Amino acid sequence: MKVFLKIFLLIFLLLGPKLETLSISNYEILKICRSQRMQKRCIKRLKINKELFNKGKPIEIQVIPYKAK
């Protein structure tokens, strides 16, 4: 039983979660900002966040409170 557990943990660690993250692509940025009122500002903000994220620096994410009807 211990051997099975050790093998399972080894396989999980090797094939499990990856340590790299992928940032949003330029096409996805344009797609998101297409419906926004101020497209240029939206594109600029998302590209700056993308650069900061790729450098490993913290980014600000807006939290919009939920309003129940």
Foldseek 3Di string as FASTA:
>chain_A
DVVVVVVVVVVCVVPPDDPDDDADDLVVQQVVLVPPPDSVVSSVLRVVVRVCVVVVHDDDDDDDDDDDD
